[in-house]
């Protein structure tokens, strides 16, 4: 487009000098327009994607007091260590076939440590980035609870040689945090931090694990339910930690109750009659059509197709089904 416009303008201005001027003006205008097209639209040459000119990260404030947490709270924290942003260039062939132009894109990653509060804390649960809960699946995140004997973080030690352990301070380390979804910058981070302050939690030696009525809720393997027509829903993974629900629950239980020794695992079967003399206790399922991405539901030799159905209310199951045998076995292994 630029070549056409500039060649027409060049011909018009050159025409003031005669026929040769019009020809020369058209040629010069076409060259200028081609240069403009190449700058704006690539012009068939190699293309460069957006790239940062400065790889330094945002700074943290000096002299900020270290919070002291009681119970559960959402804390923003302070960056206490960081490297320069890591740039990864990827070059691919752009459209145009063999021998065509290449396109280079740039991805950025951050290595940062964020100080939270005075330790020790029991657990860091949810994390928010720019106000949205961060999906931690696939991310490398290490939580240092702030004990007086905690060792230095391995990444900081590898980068710095002699690294501080920040003993007495709880902090979180992000290793190669992808920044693309945050506009290639370190996002504003916030953390849900739990620090029990009473005498009860250390005294707890045993607890009871429910709900008991959940077909795959005890499974440590993540299951997805097929809803048909390309739709799916999580069956037993409803946190942002990238873990099955029972794994996340056990991690939090051990963090809050460090002296825990025993767990009673509740597994629900159902009666098929209100009359005690006629009632048989049997496993049951929510419906016969459920399809999940792990092994089919079986309990004590019964399959989904033949098992009893749980009670329904307004056309929907009123309870979860009996935990599958494999999920119970995996739950016991995880508990041990």
C-alpha atoms as a PDB file:
ATOM      1  CA  UNK A   1       0.000   0.000   0.000  1.00  0.00           C
ATOM      2  CA  UNK A   2       2.797   2.429   0.869  1.00  0.00           C
ATOM      3  CA  UNK A   3       4.543   1.699  -2.452  1.00  0.00           C
ATOM      4  CA  UNK A   4       1.385   2.487  -4.431  1.00  0.00           C
ATOM      5  CA  UNK A   5       0.662   5.718  -2.572  1.00  0.00           C
ATOM      6  CA  UNK A   6       4.223   7.030  -2.665  1.00  0.00           C
ATOM      7  CA  UNK A   7       4.710   6.103  -6.330  1.00  0.00           C
ATOM      8  CA  UNK A   8       1.559   8.073  -7.220  1.00  0.00           C
ATOM      9  CA  UNK A   9       2.756  11.057  -5.173  1.00  0.00           C
ATOM     10  CA  UNK A  10       6.209  10.813  -6.734  1.00  0.00           C
ATOM     11  CA  UNK A  11       4.739  10.751 -10.217  1.00  0.00           C
ATOM     12  CA  UNK A  12       2.620  13.801  -9.448  1.00  0.00           C
ATOM     13  CA  UNK A  13       5.492  15.869  -8.101  1.00  0.00           C
ATOM     14  CA  UNK A  14       7.906  14.647 -10.785  1.00  0.00           C
ATOM     15  CA  UNK A  15       5.400  15.484 -13.485  1.00  0.00           C
ATOM     16  CA  UNK A  16       5.959  19.151 -12.708  1.00  0.00           C
ATOM     17  CA  UNK A  17       9.370  18.689 -14.309  1.00  0.00           C
ATOM     18  CA  UNK A  18       8.102  16.890 -17.364  1.00  0.00           C
ATOM     19  CA  UNK A  19       7.618  13.283 -18.545  1.00  0.00           C
ATOM     20  CA  UNK A  20      11.074  12.080 -17.376  1.00  0.00           C
ATOM     21  CA  UNK A  21      10.462  13.711 -14.015  1.00  0.00           C
ATOM     22  CA  UNK A  22       7.197  11.784 -13.633  1.00  0.00           C
ATOM     23  CA  UNK A  23       8.950   8.466 -14.357  1.00  0.00           C
ATOM     24  CA  UNK A  24      11.774   9.226 -11.950  1.00  0.00           C
ATOM     25  CA  UNK A  25       9.356  10.469  -9.288  1.00  0.00           C
ATOM     26  CA  UNK A  26       7.247   7.302  -9.585  1.00  0.00           C
ATOM     27  CA  UNK A  27      10.348   5.101  -9.187  1.00  0.00           C
ATOM     28  CA  UNK A  28      11.655   7.015  -6.165  1.00  0.00           C
ATOM     29  CA  UNK A  29       8.184   7.018  -4.565  1.00  0.00           C
ATOM     30  CA  UNK A  30       7.863   3.253  -5.030  1.00  0.00           C
ATOM     31  CA  UNK A  31      11.245   2.715  -3.320  1.00  0.00           C
ATOM     32  CA  UNK A  32      10.283   4.936  -0.368  1.00  0.00           C
ATOM     33  CA  UNK A  33       6.896   3.235  -0.050  1.00  0.00           C
ATOM     34  CA  UNK A  34       8.530  -0.198  -0.104  1.00  0.00           C
ATOM     35  CA  UNK A  35      10.831   0.807   2.739  1.00  0.00           C
ATOM     36  CA  UNK A  36       7.803   2.010   4.741  1.00  0.00           C
ATOM     37  CA  UNK A  37       5.882  -1.219   4.034  1.00  0.00           C
ATOM     38  CA  UNK A  38       8.840  -3.288   5.196  1.00  0.00           C
ATOM     39  CA  UNK A  39       9.078  -1.333   8.432  1.00  0.00           C
ATOM     40  CA  UNK A  40       5.366  -1.566   9.175  1.00  0.00           C
ATOM     41  CA  UNK A  41       4.426  -5.015   7.896  1.00  0.00           C
ATOM     42  CA  UNK A  42       7.621  -7.033   7.707  1.00  0.00           C
ATOM     43  CA  UNK A  43       7.957  -6.747   3.968  1.00  0.00           C
ATOM     44  CA  UNK A  44       8.816 -10.456   3.606  1.00  0.00           C
ATOM     45  CA  UNK A  45      11.920 -10.177   5.803  1.00  0.00           C
ATOM     46  CA  UNK A  46      12.618 -11.635   9.241  1.00  0.00           C
ATOM     47  CA  UNK A  47      10.428 -10.335  12.064  1.00  0.00           C
ATOM     48  CA  UNK A  48      11.187  -9.681  15.721  1.00  0.00           C
ATOM     49  CA  UNK A  49       8.541 -10.044  18.399  1.00  0.00           C
ATOM     50  CA  UNK A  50       8.191  -7.659  21.368  1.00  0.00           C
ATOM     51  CA  UNK A  51      11.362  -7.546  23.447  1.00  0.00           C
ATOM     52  CA  UNK A  52      12.276  -5.868  26.714  1.00  0.00           C
ATOM     53  CA  UNK A  53      15.032  -3.293  26.608  1.00  0.00           C
ATOM     54  CA  UNK A  54      15.696  -3.602  30.340  1.00  0.00           C
ATOM     55  CA  UNK A  55      15.918  -6.979  32.073  1.00  0.00           C
ATOM     56  CA  UNK A  56      16.096  -5.574  35.591  1.00  0.00           C
ATOM     57  CA  UNK A  57      13.124  -6.353  37.837  1.00  0.00           C
ATOM     58  CA  UNK A  58      11.178  -4.019  40.062  1.00  0.00           C
ATOM     59  CA  UNK A  59      12.903  -3.052  43.283  1.00  0.00           C
ATOM     60  CA  UNK A  60      11.750  -3.674  46.847  1.00  0.00           C
ATOM     61  CA  UNK A  61      11.639  -1.164  49.692  1.00  0.00           C
ATOM     62  CA  UNK A  62      14.483  -0.953  52.177  1.00  0.00           C
ATOM     63  CA  UNK A  63      13.712  -0.887  55.884  1.00  0.00           C
ATOM     64  CA  UNK A  64      10.214  -2.371  55.611  1.00  0.00           C
ATOM     65  CA  UNK A  65       9.201  -3.976  58.928  1.00  0.00           C
ATOM     66  CA  UNK A  66       8.715  -7.743  59.013  1.00  0.00           C
ATOM     67  CA  UNK A  67       5.059  -8.565  59.825  1.00  0.00           C
ATOM     68  CA  UNK A  68       4.156 -10.833  62.726  1.00  0.00           C
ATOM     69  CA  UNK A  69       1.206 -13.061  61.866  1.00  0.00           C
ATOM     70  CA  UNK A  70      -1.362 -14.627  64.194  1.00  0.00           C
ATOM     71  CA  UNK A  71      -3.724 -17.173  62.673  1.00  0.00           C
ATOM     72  CA  UNK A  72      -4.501 -16.851  58.953  1.00  0.00           C
ATOM     73  CA  UNK A  73      -4.041 -13.755  56.795  1.00  0.00           C
ATOM     74  CA  UNK A  74      -3.320 -12.531  53.286  1.00  0.00           C
ATOM     75  CA  UNK A  75       0.133 -10.929  53.065  1.00  0.00           C
ATOM     76  CA  UNK A  76       1.814  -9.158  50.164  1.00  0.00           C
ATOM     77  CA  UNK A  77       5.451  -9.650  51.197  1.00  0.00           C
ATOM     78  CA  UNK A  78       8.639  -7.999  49.980  1.00  0.00           C
ATOM     79  CA  UNK A  79      11.125  -9.107  47.325  1.00  0.00           C
ATOM     80  CA  UNK A  80      14.284 -10.012  49.246  1.00  0.00           C
ATOM     81  CA  UNK A  81      16.312 -11.592  46.418  1.00  0.00           C
ATOM     82  CA  UNK A  82      16.133 -11.716  42.651  1.00  0.00           C
ATOM     83  CA  UNK A  83      18.163 -12.268  39.514  1.00  0.00           C
ATOM     84  CA  UNK A  84      17.900 -10.369  36.264  1.00  0.00           C
ATOM     85  CA  UNK A  85      14.989 -11.540  34.153  1.00  0.00           C
ATOM     86  CA  UNK A  86      15.864 -14.548  32.029  1.00  0.00           C
ATOM     87  CA  UNK A  87      15.221 -14.057  28.303  1.00  0.00           C
ATOM     88  CA  UNK A  88      14.557 -17.025  26.023  1.00  0.00           C
ATOM     89  CA  UNK A  89      14.453 -16.343  22.268  1.00  0.00           C
ATOM     90  CA  UNK A  90      12.568 -18.749  19.999  1.00  0.00           C
ATOM     91  CA  UNK A  91      12.960 -18.497  16.226  1.00  0.00           C
ATOM     92  CA  UNK A  92      10.436 -20.138  13.920  1.00  0.00           C
ATOM     93  CA  UNK A  93       9.737 -19.980  10.245  1.00  0.00           C
ATOM     94  CA  UNK A  94       6.936 -17.567   9.553  1.00  0.00           C
ATOM     95  CA  UNK A  95       4.323 -18.200   6.883  1.00  0.00           C
ATOM     96  CA  UNK A  96       5.630 -18.183   3.362  1.00  0.00           C
ATOM     97  CA  UNK A  97       6.956 -21.681   2.816  1.00  0.00           C
ATOM     98  CA  UNK A  98      10.480 -22.899   2.358  1.00  0.00           C
ATOM     99  CA  UNK A  99      13.088 -20.194   2.499  1.00  0.00           C
ATOM    100  CA  UNK A 100      10.597 -17.666   3.784  1.00  0.00           C
ATOM    101  CA  UNK A 101      11.121 -15.144   6.567  1.00  0.00           C
ATOM    102  CA  UNK A 102      11.762 -16.155  10.190  1.00  0.00           C
ATOM    103  CA  UNK A 103       9.997 -14.869  13.253  1.00  0.00           C
ATOM    104  CA  UNK A 104      11.707 -14.503  16.641  1.00  0.00           C
ATOM    105  CA  UNK A 105       9.655 -14.290  19.822  1.00  0.00           C
ATOM    106  CA  UNK A 106      10.893 -13.631  23.357  1.00  0.00           C
ATOM    107  CA  UNK A 107       9.749 -15.207  26.616  1.00  0.00           C
ATOM    108  CA  UNK A 108      10.794 -13.982  30.046  1.00  0.00           C
ATOM    109  CA  UNK A 109      11.207 -15.764  33.372  1.00  0.00           C
ATOM    110  CA  UNK A 110      11.866 -14.453  36.882  1.00  0.00           C
ATOM    111  CA  UNK A 111      13.782 -15.959  39.791  1.00  0.00           C
ATOM    112  CA  UNK A 112      12.664 -14.180  42.956  1.00  0.00           C
ATOM    113  CA  UNK A 113      12.388 -14.705  46.696  1.00  0.00           C
ATOM    114  CA  UNK A 114       9.533 -12.966  48.528  1.00  0.00           C
ATOM    115  CA  UNK A 115       9.765 -12.452  52.282  1.00  0.00           C
ATOM    116  CA  UNK A 116       6.451 -12.909  54.076  1.00  0.00           C
ATOM    117  CA  UNK A 117       6.569 -12.572  57.841  1.00  0.00           C
ATOM    118  CA  UNK A 118       8.221 -13.670  61.046  1.00  0.00           C
ATOM    119  CA  UNK A 119       8.430 -17.455  61.221  1.00  0.00           C
ATOM    120  CA  UNK A 120       7.865 -20.179  61.722  1.00  0.00           C
ATOM    121  CA  UNK A 121       4.602 -20.448  59.778  1.00  0.00           C
ATOM    122  CA  UNK A 122       2.672 -23.655  59.222  1.00  0.00           C
ATOM    123  CA  UNK A 123       1.490 -23.319  55.643  1.00  0.00           C
ATOM    124  CA  UNK A 124       1.308 -21.084  52.578  1.00  0.00           C
ATOM    125  CA  UNK A 125      -1.879 -22.040  50.782  1.00  0.00           C
ATOM    126  CA  UNK A 126      -3.150 -19.813  47.989  1.00  0.00           C
ATOM    127  CA  UNK A 127      -1.121 -17.309  45.979  1.00  0.00           C
ATOM    128  CA  UNK A 128      -2.506 -14.348  44.029  1.00  0.00           C
ATOM    129  CA  UNK A 129      -0.761 -12.593  41.143  1.00  0.00           C
ATOM    130  CA  UNK A 130      -2.132  -9.178  40.131  1.00  0.00           C
ATOM    131  CA  UNK A 131      -5.272  -9.963  42.137  1.00  0.00           C
ATOM    132  CA  UNK A 132      -6.015 -13.282  40.406  1.00  0.00           C
ATOM    133  CA  UNK A 133      -5.408 -16.636  42.081  1.00  0.00           C
ATOM    134  CA  UNK A 134      -2.254 -18.155  40.620  1.00  0.00           C
ATOM    135  CA  UNK A 135      -2.509 -21.613  39.072  1.00  0.00           C
ATOM    136  CA  UNK A 136       0.511 -23.324  40.603  1.00  0.00           C
ATOM    137  CA  UNK A 137       0.383 -26.328  38.281  1.00  0.00           C
ATOM    138  CA  UNK A 138       3.777 -26.843  36.690  1.00  0.00           C
ATOM    139  CA  UNK A 139       5.430 -23.989  38.603  1.00  0.00           C
ATOM    140  CA  UNK A 140       8.514 -24.439  40.783  1.00  0.00           C
ATOM    141  CA  UNK A 141       7.661 -22.789  44.106  1.00  0.00           C
ATOM    142  CA  UNK A 142       9.464 -23.470  47.376  1.00  0.00           C
ATOM    143  CA  UNK A 143       8.158 -22.361  50.760  1.00  0.00           C
ATOM    144  CA  UNK A 144      10.627 -21.769  53.595  1.00  0.00           C
ATOM    145  CA  UNK A 145       8.678 -21.757  56.844  1.00  0.00           C
ATOM    146  CA  UNK A 146      11.028 -19.509  58.793  1.00  0.00           C
ATOM    147  CA  UNK A 147      12.498 -21.871  61.351  1.00  0.00           C
ATOM    148  CA  UNK A 148      15.727 -21.004  63.137  1.00  0.00           C
ATOM    149  CA  UNK A 149      17.463 -23.993  61.522  1.00  0.00           C
ATOM    150  CA  UNK A 150      16.259 -23.615  57.916  1.00  0.00           C
ATOM    151  CA  UNK A 151      18.995 -24.032  55.267  1.00  0.00           C
ATOM    152  CA  UNK A 152      19.582 -21.606  52.385  1.00  0.00           C
ATOM    153  CA  UNK A 153      17.440 -22.052  49.313  1.00  0.00           C
ATOM    154  CA  UNK A 154      19.303 -24.204  46.746  1.00  0.00           C
ATOM    155  CA  UNK A 155      18.715 -21.746  43.877  1.00  0.00           C
ATOM    156  CA  UNK A 156      19.964 -18.760  45.866  1.00  0.00           C
ATOM    157  CA  UNK A 157      22.959 -20.780  47.058  1.00  0.00           C
ATOM    158  CA  UNK A 158      23.753 -21.863  43.488  1.00  0.00           C
ATOM    159  CA  UNK A 159      23.585 -18.285  42.188  1.00  0.00           C
ATOM    160  CA  UNK A 160      25.263 -16.476  45.087  1.00  0.00           C
ATOM    161  CA  UNK A 161      27.735 -19.014  46.479  1.00  0.00           C
ATOM    162  CA  UNK A 162      27.490 -17.924  50.092  1.00  0.00           C
ATOM    163  CA  UNK A 163      23.767 -17.352  50.561  1.00  0.00           C
ATOM    164  CA  UNK A 164      21.782 -16.242  53.611  1.00  0.00           C
ATOM    165  CA  UNK A 165      19.220 -18.680  54.984  1.00  0.00           C
ATOM    166  CA  UNK A 166      16.912 -15.883  56.238  1.00  0.00           C
ATOM    167  CA  UNK A 167      16.446 -17.843  59.453  1.00  0.00           C
ATOM    168  CA  UNK A 168      13.430 -16.718  61.425  1.00  0.00           C
ATOM    169  CA  UNK A 169      11.753 -15.298  58.296  1.00  0.00           C
ATOM    170  CA  UNK A 170       9.205 -17.165  56.215  1.00  0.00           C
ATOM    171  CA  UNK A 171       9.713 -16.646  52.494  1.00  0.00           C
ATOM    172  CA  UNK A 172       8.742 -18.114  49.137  1.00  0.00           C
ATOM    173  CA  UNK A 173      11.059 -18.734  46.174  1.00  0.00           C
ATOM    174  CA  UNK A 174       9.800 -18.747  42.579  1.00  0.00           C
ATOM    175  CA  UNK A 175      12.171 -20.487  40.175  1.00  0.00           C
ATOM    176  CA  UNK A 176      11.730 -19.496  36.501  1.00  0.00           C
ATOM    177  CA  UNK A 177       8.286 -17.966  36.948  1.00  0.00           C
ATOM    178  CA  UNK A 178       6.866 -17.339  33.425  1.00  0.00           C
ATOM    179  CA  UNK A 179       5.999 -13.665  32.990  1.00  0.00           C
ATOM    180  CA  UNK A 180       4.140 -13.682  29.680  1.00  0.00           C
ATOM    181  CA  UNK A 181       0.675 -13.549  31.232  1.00  0.00           C
ATOM    182  CA  UNK A 182       1.751 -10.587  33.386  1.00  0.00           C
ATOM    183  CA  UNK A 183       2.979  -8.348  30.575  1.00  0.00           C
ATOM    184  CA  UNK A 184       6.603  -9.537  30.961  1.00  0.00           C
ATOM    185  CA  UNK A 185       6.969  -8.063  34.445  1.00  0.00           C
ATOM    186  CA  UNK A 186       6.964  -9.420  37.963  1.00  0.00           C
ATOM    187  CA  UNK A 187       3.324  -9.323  39.119  1.00  0.00           C
ATOM    188  CA  UNK A 188       2.027  -7.997  42.424  1.00  0.00           C
ATOM    189  CA  UNK A 189       2.006 -11.091  44.639  1.00  0.00           C
ATOM    190  CA  UNK A 190      -0.062 -11.925  47.703  1.00  0.00           C
ATOM    191  CA  UNK A 191      -0.082 -15.072  49.832  1.00  0.00           C
ATOM    192  CA  UNK A 192      -2.502 -16.820  52.160  1.00  0.00           C
ATOM    193  CA  UNK A 193      -0.317 -17.654  55.165  1.00  0.00           C
ATOM    194  CA  UNK A 194      -1.301 -19.779  58.167  1.00  0.00           C
ATOM    195  CA  UNK A 195       0.485 -19.613  61.517  1.00  0.00           C
ATOM    196  CA  UNK A 196      -1.201 -21.382  64.447  1.00  0.00           C
ATOM    197  CA  UNK A 197      -0.528 -19.592  67.724  1.00  0.00           C
ATOM    198  CA  UNK A 198      -2.532 -21.724  70.181  1.00  0.00           C
ATOM    199  CA  UNK A 199      -1.499 -24.802  72.137  1.00  0.00           C
ATOM    200  CA  UNK A 200      -4.147 -27.035  70.522  1.00  0.00           C
ATOM    201  CA  UNK A 201      -2.582 -27.842  67.147  1.00  0.00           C
ATOM    202  CA  UNK A 202       0.657 -29.391  68.482  1.00  0.00           C
ATOM    203  CA  UNK A 203      -1.420 -31.566  70.825  1.00  0.00           C
ATOM    204  CA  UNK A 204      -3.502 -33.177  68.057  1.00  0.00           C
ATOM    205  CA  UNK A 205      -2.342 -36.754  67.435  1.00  0.00           C
ATOM    206  CA  UNK A 206      -5.222 -38.109  65.325  1.00  0.00           C
ATOM    207  CA  UNK A 207      -8.036 -36.924  63.109  1.00  0.00           C
ATOM    208  CA  UNK A 208     -10.956 -38.288  61.106  1.00  0.00           C
ATOM    209  CA  UNK A 209     -10.852 -37.851  57.325  1.00  0.00           C
ATOM    210  CA  UNK A 210     -14.203 -37.296  55.609  1.00  0.00           C
ATOM    211  CA  UNK A 211     -16.445 -36.878  53.503  1.00  0.00           C
ATOM    212  CA  UNK A 212     -16.504 -40.678  53.106  1.00  0.00           C
ATOM    213  CA  UNK A 213     -19.100 -40.509  50.299  1.00  0.00           C
ATOM    214  CA  UNK A 214     -17.002 -39.583  47.277  1.00  0.00           C
ATOM    215  CA  UNK A 215     -16.398 -41.920  44.358  1.00  0.00           C
ATOM    216  CA  UNK A 216     -12.935 -40.592  43.467  1.00  0.00           C
ATOM    217  CA  UNK A 217     -12.334 -37.873  46.067  1.00  0.00           C
ATOM    218  CA  UNK A 218      -9.832 -40.019  47.952  1.00  0.00           C
ATOM    219  CA  UNK A 219      -7.776 -40.787  44.850  1.00  0.00           C
ATOM    220  CA  UNK A 220      -4.303 -39.288  44.620  1.00  0.00           C
ATOM    221  CA  UNK A 221      -4.487 -39.579  40.829  1.00  0.00           C
ATOM    222  CA  UNK A 222      -6.226 -36.554  39.313  1.00  0.00           C
ATOM    223  CA  UNK A 223      -9.459 -37.570  37.603  1.00  0.00           C
ATOM    224  CA  UNK A 224     -11.492 -35.560  35.102  1.00  0.00           C
ATOM    225  CA  UNK A 225     -15.174 -36.197  34.415  1.00  0.00           C
ATOM    226  CA  UNK A 226     -16.255 -36.362  30.764  1.00  0.00           C
ATOM    227  CA  UNK A 227     -19.420 -34.271  30.286  1.00  0.00           C
ATOM    228  CA  UNK A 228     -19.723 -35.022  26.565  1.00  0.00           C
ATOM    229  CA  UNK A 229     -19.462 -32.769  23.493  1.00  0.00           C
ATOM    230  CA  UNK A 230     -15.872 -31.898  24.368  1.00  0.00           C
ATOM    231  CA  UNK A 231     -16.697 -30.630  27.870  1.00  0.00           C
ATOM    232  CA  UNK A 232     -14.983 -31.848  31.039  1.00  0.00           C
ATOM    233  CA  UNK A 233     -14.908 -31.016  34.742  1.00  0.00           C
ATOM    234  CA  UNK A 234     -12.467 -31.822  37.548  1.00  0.00           C
ATOM    235  CA  UNK A 235     -13.562 -34.757  39.669  1.00  0.00           C
ATOM    236  CA  UNK A 236     -11.043 -34.593  42.521  1.00  0.00           C
ATOM    237  CA  UNK A 237      -8.795 -31.559  41.970  1.00  0.00           C
ATOM    238  CA  UNK A 238     -10.364 -28.240  43.010  1.00  0.00           C
ATOM    239  CA  UNK A 239      -7.359 -26.254  44.231  1.00  0.00           C
ATOM    240  CA  UNK A 240      -4.792 -24.150  42.401  1.00  0.00           C
ATOM    241  CA  UNK A 241      -1.919 -26.308  43.695  1.00  0.00           C
ATOM    242  CA  UNK A 242      -1.847 -28.820  40.846  1.00  0.00           C
ATOM    243  CA  UNK A 243      -2.559 -31.643  43.321  1.00  0.00           C
ATOM    244  CA  UNK A 244      -5.444 -33.986  43.958  1.00  0.00           C
ATOM    245  CA  UNK A 245      -7.696 -32.714  46.752  1.00  0.00           C
ATOM    246  CA  UNK A 246      -6.591 -35.378  49.229  1.00  0.00           C
ATOM    247  CA  UNK A 247      -2.902 -34.585  48.678  1.00  0.00           C
ATOM    248  CA  UNK A 248      -3.519 -30.881  49.293  1.00  0.00           C
ATOM    249  CA  UNK A 249      -5.603 -31.695  52.378  1.00  0.00           C
ATOM    250  CA  UNK A 250      -2.972 -34.002  53.859  1.00  0.00           C
ATOM    251  CA  UNK A 251      -0.226 -31.424  53.271  1.00  0.00           C
ATOM    252  CA  UNK A 252      -2.237 -28.786  55.110  1.00  0.00           C
ATOM    253  CA  UNK A 253      -3.129 -31.193  57.940  1.00  0.00           C
ATOM    254  CA  UNK A 254       0.517 -32.099  58.495  1.00  0.00           C
ATOM    255  CA  UNK A 255       1.526 -28.431  58.423  1.00  0.00           C
ATOM    256  CA  UNK A 256      -1.121 -27.402  60.950  1.00  0.00           C
ATOM    257  CA  UNK A 257      -0.746 -30.478  63.194  1.00  0.00           C
ATOM    258  CA  UNK A 258       2.959 -31.371  63.097  1.00  0.00           C
ATOM    259  CA  UNK A 259       2.600 -34.178  65.668  1.00  0.00           C
ATOM    260  CA  UNK A 260      -0.164 -35.986  63.804  1.00  0.00           C
ATOM    261  CA  UNK A 261       0.233 -39.774  64.051  1.00  0.00           C
ATOM    262  CA  UNK A 262      -3.030 -41.401  62.953  1.00  0.00           C
ATOM    263  CA  UNK A 263      -5.882 -40.737  60.533  1.00  0.00           C
ATOM    264  CA  UNK A 264      -9.206 -42.576  60.505  1.00  0.00           C
ATOM    265  CA  UNK A 265     -10.348 -42.840  56.894  1.00  0.00           C
ATOM    266  CA  UNK A 266     -14.140 -42.892  56.561  1.00  0.00           C
ATOM    267  CA  UNK A 267     -15.527 -45.009  53.700  1.00  0.00           C
ATOM    268  CA  UNK A 268     -19.304 -44.867  53.201  1.00  0.00           C
ATOM    269  CA  UNK A 269     -21.515 -47.766  52.131  1.00  0.00           C
ATOM    270  CA  UNK A 270     -25.311 -47.502  51.984  1.00  0.00           C
ATOM    271  CA  UNK A 271     -28.290 -49.390  53.301  1.00  0.00           C
ATOM    272  CA  UNK A 272     -30.986 -50.459  50.855  1.00  0.00           C
ATOM    273  CA  UNK A 273     -33.925 -50.698  53.311  1.00  0.00           C
ATOM    274  CA  UNK A 274     -35.121 -48.714  56.343  1.00  0.00           C
ATOM    275  CA  UNK A 275     -36.080 -51.972  58.112  1.00  0.00           C
ATOM    276  CA  UNK A 276     -33.049 -53.200  60.003  1.00  0.00           C
ATOM    277  CA  UNK A 277     -33.934 -56.862  59.508  1.00  0.00           C
ATOM    278  CA  UNK A 278     -34.149 -56.458  55.747  1.00  0.00           C
ATOM    279  CA  UNK A 279     -31.359 -53.922  55.191  1.00  0.00           C
ATOM    280  CA  UNK A 280     -28.247 -54.899  53.256  1.00  0.00           C
ATOM    281  CA  UNK A 281     -25.173 -52.654  53.373  1.00  0.00           C
ATOM    282  CA  UNK A 282     -23.862 -52.148  49.860  1.00  0.00           C
ATOM    283  CA  UNK A 283     -21.616 -49.797  47.849  1.00  0.00           C
ATOM    284  CA  UNK A 284     -23.472 -47.290  45.687  1.00  0.00           C
ATOM    285  CA  UNK A 285     -22.804 -44.867  42.826  1.00  0.00           C
ATOM    286  CA  UNK A 286     -24.168 -41.434  41.953  1.00  0.00           C
ATOM    287  CA  UNK A 287     -25.289 -42.436  38.448  1.00  0.00           C
ATOM    288  CA  UNK A 288     -24.561 -45.087  35.865  1.00  0.00           C
ATOM    289  CA  UNK A 289     -23.339 -42.777  33.088  1.00  0.00           C
ATOM    290  CA  UNK A 290     -20.368 -41.063  34.741  1.00  0.00           C
ATOM    291  CA  UNK A 291     -17.134 -41.387  32.763  1.00  0.00           C
ATOM    292  CA  UNK A 292     -13.771 -40.422  34.279  1.00  0.00           C
ATOM    293  CA  UNK A 293     -10.219 -40.410  32.958  1.00  0.00           C
ATOM    294  CA  UNK A 294      -8.870 -42.968  35.448  1.00  0.00           C
ATOM    295  CA  UNK A 295      -9.730 -46.606  36.110  1.00  0.00           C
ATOM    296  CA  UNK A 296     -13.450 -47.453  36.112  1.00  0.00           C
ATOM    297  CA  UNK A 297     -15.204 -47.460  39.489  1.00  0.00           C
ATOM    298  CA  UNK A 298     -15.286 -50.872  41.194  1.00  0.00           C
ATOM    299  CA  UNK A 299     -15.962 -51.733  44.836  1.00  0.00           C
ATOM    300  CA  UNK A 300     -15.825 -55.252  46.254  1.00  0.00           C
ATOM    301  CA  UNK A 301     -16.354 -56.725  42.810  1.00  0.00           C
ATOM    302  CA  UNK A 302     -19.325 -54.494  41.924  1.00  0.00           C
ATOM    303  CA  UNK A 303     -19.167 -52.290  38.833  1.00  0.00           C
ATOM    304  CA  UNK A 304     -20.928 -49.024  38.073  1.00  0.00           C
ATOM    305  CA  UNK A 305     -23.385 -50.717  35.722  1.00  0.00           C
ATOM    306  CA  UNK A 306     -24.754 -53.041  38.439  1.00  0.00           C
ATOM    307  CA  UNK A 307     -24.195 -51.077  41.658  1.00  0.00           C
ATOM    308  CA  UNK A 308     -26.978 -49.557  43.731  1.00  0.00           C
ATOM    309  CA  UNK A 309     -27.774 -45.877  43.124  1.00  0.00           C
ATOM    310  CA  UNK A 310     -27.666 -43.345  45.974  1.00  0.00           C
ATOM    311  CA  UNK A 311     -30.810 -41.444  46.881  1.00  0.00           C
ATOM    312  CA  UNK A 312     -31.771 -38.559  44.599  1.00  0.00           C
ATOM    313  CA  UNK A 313     -33.283 -35.158  45.296  1.00  0.00           C
ATOM    314  CA  UNK A 314     -34.869 -33.179  42.453  1.00  0.00           C
ATOM    315  CA  UNK A 315     -33.264 -35.518  39.952  1.00  0.00           C
ATOM    316  CA  UNK A 316     -29.737 -35.117  41.346  1.00  0.00           C
ATOM    317  CA  UNK A 317     -27.728 -37.436  43.636  1.00  0.00           C
ATOM    318  CA  UNK A 318     -28.269 -36.522  47.307  1.00  0.00           C
ATOM    319  CA  UNK A 319     -24.905 -38.042  48.313  1.00  0.00           C
ATOM    320  CA  UNK A 320     -21.573 -38.848  46.769  1.00  0.00           C
ATOM    321  CA  UNK A 321     -21.010 -42.489  45.885  1.00  0.00           C
ATOM    322  CA  UNK A 322     -18.884 -45.046  47.710  1.00  0.00           C
ATOM    323  CA  UNK A 323     -15.115 -44.485  47.257  1.00  0.00           C
ATOM    324  CA  UNK A 324     -13.666 -46.872  44.689  1.00  0.00           C
ATOM    325  CA  UNK A 325     -11.377 -49.589  45.972  1.00  0.00           C
ATOM    326  CA  UNK A 326      -8.352 -48.197  44.109  1.00  0.00           C
ATOM    327  CA  UNK A 327      -8.924 -44.704  45.516  1.00  0.00           C
ATOM    328  CA  UNK A 328      -9.053 -46.098  49.065  1.00  0.00           C
ATOM    329  CA  UNK A 329      -5.822 -48.020  48.531  1.00  0.00           C
ATOM    330  CA  UNK A 330      -4.074 -44.913  47.181  1.00  0.00           C
ATOM    331  CA  UNK A 331      -5.445 -42.809  50.060  1.00  0.00           C
ATOM    332  CA  UNK A 332      -4.039 -45.262  52.612  1.00  0.00           C
ATOM    333  CA  UNK A 333      -0.652 -45.179  50.866  1.00  0.00           C
ATOM    334  CA  UNK A 334      -0.661 -41.362  50.904  1.00  0.00           C
ATOM    335  CA  UNK A 335      -1.673 -41.257  54.584  1.00  0.00           C
ATOM    336  CA  UNK A 336       1.097 -43.642  55.561  1.00  0.00           C
END
